[in-house]
Amino acid sequence: MALQRMLSGDPAKSSKLYIGIGLLSLAKAIVVYKDRNRFRRELIDAALFLGVGITLRKYSQLKAEKREEIESQIPDWLASAAQSEAARRGVRSVAKRKLGEESEPEPEPTFRDRARAAISR
């Protein structure tokens, strides 16, 4: 699996999947412990899956910490300026674009929104 594809989406969910597969592989290794070659292969598989799962979990935690840090750096005056729903949507869309996480499509701006944007520039 490509690294970029592995890191996209929700790494916390992916980490749970990899850890689950690693635990199953570890259980399989315990079952076949008498067959040395197969035991070794299963242990290697378990270690790889558990390693990737733990790494994705750490990445998810780091990503959440960075997001909180960025959100805490938003000035209070900017947060208070976003009182209207249109302003909130605008701030959210800019933040999502900056964070590279465009999950929901941006609604088409109304004439009033475009006029306000033109005046504010």
N, C-alpha and C. Protein backbone atom coordinates (compact mmCIF):
# COMPACT_ATOMS: atom_id res chain seq x y z
N MET A 1 0.85 -1.17 0.00
CA MET A 1 0.00 0.00 0.00
C MET A 1 0.90 1.24 0.00
N ALA A 2 0.56 2.22 -0.80
CA ALA A 2 1.37 3.43 -0.91
C ALA A 2 1.29 4.24 0.39
N LEU A 3 2.39 4.88 0.73
CA LEU A 3 2.46 5.65 1.97
C LEU A 3 1.45 6.78 1.98
N GLN A 4 1.31 7.49 0.87
CA GLN A 4 0.36 8.60 0.80
C GLN A 4 -1.07 8.11 1.02
N ARG A 5 -1.42 6.99 0.44
CA ARG A 5 -2.76 6.44 0.61
C ARG A 5 -2.98 5.98 2.06
N MET A 6 -1.92 5.47 2.68
CA MET A 6 -2.01 5.01 4.06
C MET A 6 -2.25 6.19 5.00
N LEU A 7 -1.63 7.33 4.72
CA LEU A 7 -1.73 8.50 5.60
C LEU A 7 -2.96 9.34 5.31
N SER A 8 -3.59 9.14 4.17
CA SER A 8 -4.79 9.92 3.88
C SER A 8 -5.98 9.32 4.61
N GLY A 9 -7.03 10.08 4.71
CA GLY A 9 -8.19 9.59 5.44
C GLY A 9 -7.99 9.74 6.93
N ASP A 10 -8.53 8.84 7.70
CA ASP A 10 -8.42 8.90 9.15
C ASP A 10 -7.39 7.88 9.61
N PRO A 11 -6.18 8.34 9.97
CA PRO A 11 -5.15 7.39 10.38
C PRO A 11 -5.51 6.63 11.66
N ALA A 12 -6.38 7.18 12.50
CA ALA A 12 -6.76 6.47 13.73
C ALA A 12 -7.53 5.20 13.38
N LYS A 13 -8.43 5.28 12.41
CA LYS A 13 -9.19 4.10 11.99
C LYS A 13 -8.26 3.08 11.34
N SER A 14 -7.37 3.57 10.48
CA SER A 14 -6.43 2.66 9.82
C SER A 14 -5.53 1.98 10.84
N SER A 15 -5.13 2.72 11.87
CA SER A 15 -4.24 2.12 12.87
C SER A 15 -4.94 0.97 13.60
N LYS A 16 -6.22 1.15 13.88
CA LYS A 16 -6.97 0.08 14.54
C LYS A 16 -7.03 -1.16 13.66
N LEU A 17 -7.20 -0.95 12.38
CA LEU A 17 -7.25 -2.07 11.44
C LEU A 17 -5.92 -2.81 11.41
N TYR A 18 -4.82 -2.08 11.30
CA TYR A 18 -3.50 -2.70 11.25
C TYR A 18 -3.17 -3.41 12.56
N ILE A 19 -3.51 -2.80 13.68
CA ILE A 19 -3.26 -3.45 14.97
C ILE A 19 -4.10 -4.72 15.10
N GLY A 20 -5.34 -4.68 14.64
CA GLY A 20 -6.19 -5.87 14.66
C GLY A 20 -5.61 -7.00 13.83
N ILE A 21 -5.15 -6.67 12.63
CA ILE A 21 -4.55 -7.70 11.77
C ILE A 21 -3.29 -8.24 12.41
N GLY A 22 -2.50 -7.36 13.02
CA GLY A 22 -1.28 -7.80 13.70
C GLY A 22 -1.57 -8.74 14.85
N LEU A 23 -2.62 -8.44 15.61
CA LEU A 23 -2.98 -9.32 16.73
C LEU A 23 -3.47 -10.68 16.23
N LEU A 24 -4.24 -10.67 15.14
CA LEU A 24 -4.68 -11.95 14.55
C LEU A 24 -3.48 -12.76 14.06
N SER A 25 -2.53 -12.08 13.45
CA SER A 25 -1.35 -12.77 12.96
C SER A 25 -0.52 -13.31 14.12
N LEU A 26 -0.48 -12.57 15.22
CA LEU A 26 0.23 -13.04 16.41
C LEU A 26 -0.46 -14.28 16.99
N ALA A 27 -1.79 -14.25 17.00
CA ALA A 27 -2.53 -15.43 17.47
C ALA A 27 -2.28 -16.63 16.57
N LYS A 28 -2.21 -16.39 15.26
CA LYS A 28 -1.90 -17.47 14.32
C LYS A 28 -0.52 -18.04 14.58
N ALA A 29 0.43 -17.15 14.90
CA ALA A 29 1.79 -17.61 15.17
C ALA A 29 1.82 -18.50 16.41
N ILE A 30 1.02 -18.15 17.40
CA ILE A 30 0.98 -18.96 18.62
C ILE A 30 0.40 -20.34 18.32
N VAL A 31 -0.59 -20.38 17.44
CA VAL A 31 -1.22 -21.66 17.10
C VAL A 31 -0.24 -22.57 16.36
N VAL A 32 0.59 -22.01 15.49
CA VAL A 32 1.49 -22.83 14.67
C VAL A 32 2.93 -22.81 15.21
N TYR A 33 3.10 -22.68 16.52
CA TYR A 33 4.45 -22.53 17.07
C TYR A 33 5.34 -23.76 16.87
N LYS A 34 4.75 -24.90 16.59
CA LYS A 34 5.57 -26.13 16.39
C LYS A 34 6.26 -26.14 15.03
N ASP A 35 5.64 -25.51 14.04
CA ASP A 35 6.26 -25.42 12.71
C ASP A 35 7.14 -24.17 12.68
N ARG A 36 8.46 -24.37 12.78
CA ARG A 36 9.39 -23.26 12.95
C ARG A 36 9.31 -22.20 11.84
N ASN A 37 9.29 -22.63 10.58
CA ASN A 37 9.29 -21.67 9.47
C ASN A 37 8.00 -20.85 9.43
N ARG A 38 6.90 -21.52 9.57
CA ARG A 38 5.61 -20.82 9.55
C ARG A 38 5.47 -19.91 10.76
N PHE A 39 5.94 -20.35 11.91
CA PHE A 39 5.92 -19.54 13.13
C PHE A 39 6.70 -18.25 12.92
N ARG A 40 7.88 -18.39 12.33
CA ARG A 40 8.73 -17.22 12.07
C ARG A 40 8.06 -16.25 11.10
N ARG A 41 7.45 -16.77 10.03
CA ARG A 41 6.76 -15.90 9.06
C ARG A 41 5.60 -15.16 9.71
N GLU A 42 4.82 -15.88 10.53
CA GLU A 42 3.68 -15.24 11.19
C GLU A 42 4.14 -14.18 12.19
N LEU A 43 5.24 -14.45 12.88
CA LEU A 43 5.77 -13.45 13.81
C LEU A 43 6.24 -12.20 13.07
N ILE A 44 6.87 -12.39 11.93
CA ILE A 44 7.32 -11.24 11.13
C ILE A 44 6.12 -10.44 10.64
N ASP A 45 5.10 -11.14 10.13
CA ASP A 45 3.88 -10.45 9.69
C ASP A 45 3.24 -9.68 10.85
N ALA A 46 3.15 -10.33 12.00
CA ALA A 46 2.54 -9.67 13.16
C ALA A 46 3.33 -8.44 13.54
N ALA A 47 4.64 -8.54 13.55
CA ALA A 47 5.48 -7.40 13.91
C ALA A 47 5.32 -6.25 12.93
N LEU A 48 5.25 -6.57 11.64
CA LEU A 48 5.09 -5.52 10.63
C LEU A 48 3.74 -4.81 10.79
N PHE A 49 2.68 -5.59 10.90
CA PHE A 49 1.35 -4.98 11.03
C PHE A 49 1.22 -4.18 12.33
N LEU A 50 1.73 -4.73 13.43
CA LEU A 50 1.67 -3.99 14.69
C LEU A 50 2.51 -2.72 14.62
N GLY A 51 3.67 -2.79 13.98
CA GLY A 51 4.52 -1.61 13.83
C GLY A 51 3.85 -0.51 13.03
N VAL A 52 3.24 -0.90 11.92
CA VAL A 52 2.53 0.09 11.10
C VAL A 52 1.34 0.67 11.87
N GLY A 53 0.62 -0.17 12.59
CA GLY A 53 -0.53 0.29 13.37
C GLY A 53 -0.13 1.28 14.45
N ILE A 54 0.93 0.96 15.16
CA ILE A 54 1.41 1.87 16.22
C ILE A 54 1.91 3.17 15.62
N THR A 55 2.60 3.08 14.49
CA THR A 55 3.10 4.29 13.83
C THR A 55 1.93 5.16 13.37
N LEU A 56 0.91 4.56 12.78
CA LEU A 56 -0.27 5.33 12.37
C LEU A 56 -0.98 5.96 13.56
N ARG A 57 -1.02 5.27 14.67
CA ARG A 57 -1.64 5.81 15.89
C ARG A 57 -0.87 7.04 16.36
N LYS A 58 0.47 6.95 16.36
CA LYS A 58 1.30 8.10 16.77
C LYS A 58 1.09 9.26 15.81
N TYR A 59 1.02 8.95 14.51
CA TYR A 59 0.81 9.99 13.50
C TYR A 59 -0.54 10.67 13.72
N SER A 60 -1.55 9.90 14.05
CA SER A 60 -2.88 10.45 14.31
C SER A 60 -2.86 11.39 15.51
N GLN A 61 -2.17 10.99 16.56
CA GLN A 61 -2.07 11.84 17.75
C GLN A 61 -1.31 13.12 17.44
N LEU A 62 -0.22 13.01 16.68
CA LEU A 62 0.57 14.18 16.30
C LEU A 62 -0.27 15.13 15.44
N LYS A 63 -1.05 14.56 14.52
CA LYS A 63 -1.91 15.36 13.64
C LYS A 63 -2.96 16.12 14.46
N ALA A 64 -3.55 15.46 15.45
CA ALA A 64 -4.55 16.10 16.31
C ALA A 64 -3.91 17.21 17.15
N GLU A 65 -2.72 16.97 17.66
CA GLU A 65 -2.03 18.01 18.44
C GLU A 65 -1.72 19.23 17.58
N LYS A 66 -1.25 19.01 16.37
CA LYS A 66 -0.93 20.13 15.47
C LYS A 66 -2.19 20.90 15.11
N ARG A 67 -3.30 20.18 14.87
CA ARG A 67 -4.56 20.85 14.55
C ARG A 67 -5.00 21.74 15.72
N GLU A 68 -4.91 21.22 16.95
CA GLU A 68 -5.28 22.01 18.13
C GLU A 68 -4.37 23.22 18.27
N GLU A 69 -3.09 23.03 17.99
CA GLU A 69 -2.13 24.14 18.09
C GLU A 69 -2.46 25.23 17.08
N ILE A 70 -2.80 24.84 15.87
CA ILE A 70 -3.13 25.81 14.83
C ILE A 70 -4.42 26.54 15.19
N GLU A 71 -5.41 25.78 15.67
CA GLU A 71 -6.69 26.40 16.04
C GLU A 71 -6.53 27.33 17.23
N SER A 72 -5.60 27.03 18.13
CA SER A 72 -5.40 27.91 19.29
C SER A 72 -4.69 29.21 18.90
N GLN A 73 -4.04 29.23 17.75
CA GLN A 73 -3.33 30.42 17.31
C GLN A 73 -4.23 31.43 16.60
N ILE A 74 -5.48 31.05 16.35
CA ILE A 74 -6.41 31.98 15.71
C ILE A 74 -6.72 33.09 16.70
N PRO A 75 -6.53 34.32 16.29
CA PRO A 75 -6.79 35.43 17.21
C PRO A 75 -8.26 35.47 17.64
N ASP A 76 -8.49 35.95 18.88
CA ASP A 76 -9.85 36.03 19.42
C ASP A 76 -10.72 36.97 18.60
N TRP A 77 -10.13 38.06 18.10
CA TRP A 77 -10.93 39.01 17.32
C TRP A 77 -11.44 38.38 16.04
N LEU A 78 -10.64 37.46 15.47
CA LEU A 78 -11.07 36.79 14.24
C LEU A 78 -12.19 35.80 14.54
N ALA A 79 -12.06 35.11 15.65
CA ALA A 79 -13.11 34.16 16.03
C ALA A 79 -14.40 34.89 16.36
N SER A 80 -14.31 36.05 17.02
CA SER A 80 -15.53 36.80 17.35
C SER A 80 -16.11 37.49 16.12
N ALA A 81 -15.28 37.75 15.11
CA ALA A 81 -15.78 38.39 13.90
C ALA A 81 -16.65 37.44 13.09
N ALA A 82 -16.47 36.16 13.30
CA ALA A 82 -17.23 35.16 12.55
C ALA A 82 -18.55 34.86 13.27
N GLN A 83 -19.39 35.88 13.42
CA GLN A 83 -20.67 35.71 14.12
C GLN A 83 -21.74 35.16 13.19
N SER A 84 -21.75 35.62 11.94
CA SER A 84 -22.79 35.15 11.02
C SER A 84 -22.45 33.76 10.50
N GLU A 85 -23.45 33.06 10.04
CA GLU A 85 -23.25 31.70 9.52
C GLU A 85 -22.38 31.71 8.27
N ALA A 86 -22.57 32.72 7.42
CA ALA A 86 -21.76 32.81 6.20
C ALA A 86 -20.29 33.02 6.55
N ALA A 87 -20.04 33.85 7.55
CA ALA A 87 -18.66 34.10 7.96
C ALA A 87 -18.04 32.83 8.55
N ARG A 88 -18.82 32.09 9.32
CA ARG A 88 -18.32 30.83 9.89
C ARG A 88 -17.96 29.84 8.79
N ARG A 89 -18.84 29.74 7.79
CA ARG A 89 -18.55 28.83 6.68
C ARG A 89 -17.28 29.25 5.95
N GLY A 90 -17.12 30.56 5.78
CA GLY A 90 -15.92 31.06 5.10
C GLY A 90 -14.66 30.74 5.87
N VAL A 91 -14.70 30.95 7.17
CA VAL A 91 -13.53 30.66 8.01
C VAL A 91 -13.24 29.16 8.00
N ARG A 92 -14.29 28.34 8.08
CA ARG A 92 -14.10 26.89 8.05
C ARG A 92 -13.49 26.44 6.72
N SER A 93 -13.98 26.98 5.63
CA SER A 93 -13.47 26.55 4.33
C SER A 93 -12.02 26.96 4.14
N VAL A 94 -11.67 28.16 4.61
CA VAL A 94 -10.27 28.60 4.52
C VAL A 94 -9.39 27.71 5.39
N ALA A 95 -9.85 27.41 6.60
CA ALA A 95 -9.07 26.55 7.50
C ALA A 95 -8.90 25.16 6.91
N LYS A 96 -9.97 24.62 6.32
CA LYS A 96 -9.88 23.29 5.73
C LYS A 96 -8.92 23.28 4.55
N ARG A 97 -8.97 24.33 3.75
CA ARG A 97 -8.06 24.41 2.61
C ARG A 97 -6.63 24.47 3.09
N LYS A 98 -6.38 25.27 4.14
CA LYS A 98 -5.03 25.40 4.68
C LYS A 98 -4.54 24.08 5.26
N LEU A 99 -5.44 23.34 5.90
CA LEU A 99 -5.07 22.06 6.50
C LEU A 99 -5.09 20.93 5.48
N GLY A 100 -5.55 21.21 4.27
CA GLY A 100 -5.58 20.18 3.23
C GLY A 100 -6.63 19.12 3.46
N GLU A 101 -7.74 19.52 4.04
CA GLU A 101 -8.77 18.54 4.37
C GLU A 101 -10.11 19.04 3.86
N GLU A 102 -10.33 18.96 2.58
CA GLU A 102 -11.58 19.43 1.96
C GLU A 102 -12.54 18.27 1.91
N SER A 103 -13.26 18.01 3.01
CA SER A 103 -14.12 16.84 3.06
C SER A 103 -15.51 17.10 2.50
N GLU A 104 -16.05 18.29 2.74
CA GLU A 104 -17.38 18.57 2.22
C GLU A 104 -17.28 19.65 1.13
N PRO A 105 -18.08 19.54 0.07
CA PRO A 105 -17.99 20.52 -1.01
C PRO A 105 -18.43 21.89 -0.52
N GLU A 106 -17.74 22.89 -1.05
CA GLU A 106 -18.04 24.26 -0.66
C GLU A 106 -19.32 24.71 -1.36
N PRO A 107 -20.27 25.28 -0.61
CA PRO A 107 -21.50 25.73 -1.25
C PRO A 107 -21.23 26.94 -2.15
N GLU A 108 -22.05 27.08 -3.17
CA GLU A 108 -21.92 28.19 -4.10
C GLU A 108 -22.22 29.50 -3.36
N PRO A 109 -21.33 30.49 -3.43
CA PRO A 109 -21.58 31.74 -2.72
C PRO A 109 -22.76 32.50 -3.34
N THR A 110 -23.55 33.10 -2.46
CA THR A 110 -24.69 33.87 -2.93
C THR A 110 -24.21 35.24 -3.39
N PHE A 111 -25.11 35.97 -4.00
CA PHE A 111 -24.78 37.30 -4.46
C PHE A 111 -24.37 38.18 -3.28
N ARG A 112 -25.07 38.04 -2.17
CA ARG A 112 -24.77 38.83 -0.97
C ARG A 112 -23.36 38.50 -0.45
N ASP A 113 -23.00 37.21 -0.46
CA ASP A 113 -21.67 36.81 -0.01
C ASP A 113 -20.58 37.38 -0.90
N ARG A 114 -20.81 37.33 -2.21
CA ARG A 114 -19.82 37.88 -3.14
C ARG A 114 -19.68 39.38 -2.98
N ALA A 115 -20.79 40.05 -2.74
CA ALA A 115 -20.75 41.51 -2.55
C ALA A 115 -19.97 41.84 -1.27
N ARG A 116 -20.22 41.11 -0.19
CA ARG A 116 -19.50 41.35 1.05
C ARG A 116 -18.01 41.10 0.88
N ALA A 117 -17.68 40.04 0.16
CA ALA A 117 -16.26 39.73 -0.08
C ALA A 117 -15.59 40.82 -0.89
N ALA A 118 -16.29 41.35 -1.90
CA ALA A 118 -15.72 42.41 -2.72
C ALA A 118 -15.53 43.69 -1.91
N ILE A 119 -16.47 43.98 -1.02
CA ILE A 119 -16.36 45.20 -0.19
C ILE A 119 -15.26 45.05 0.83
N SER A 120 -15.09 43.88 1.41
CA SER A 120 -14.10 43.68 2.45
C SER A 120 -12.68 43.70 1.92
N ARG A 121 -12.52 43.48 0.63
CA ARG A 121 -11.17 43.50 0.04
C ARG A 121 -10.79 44.92 -0.16
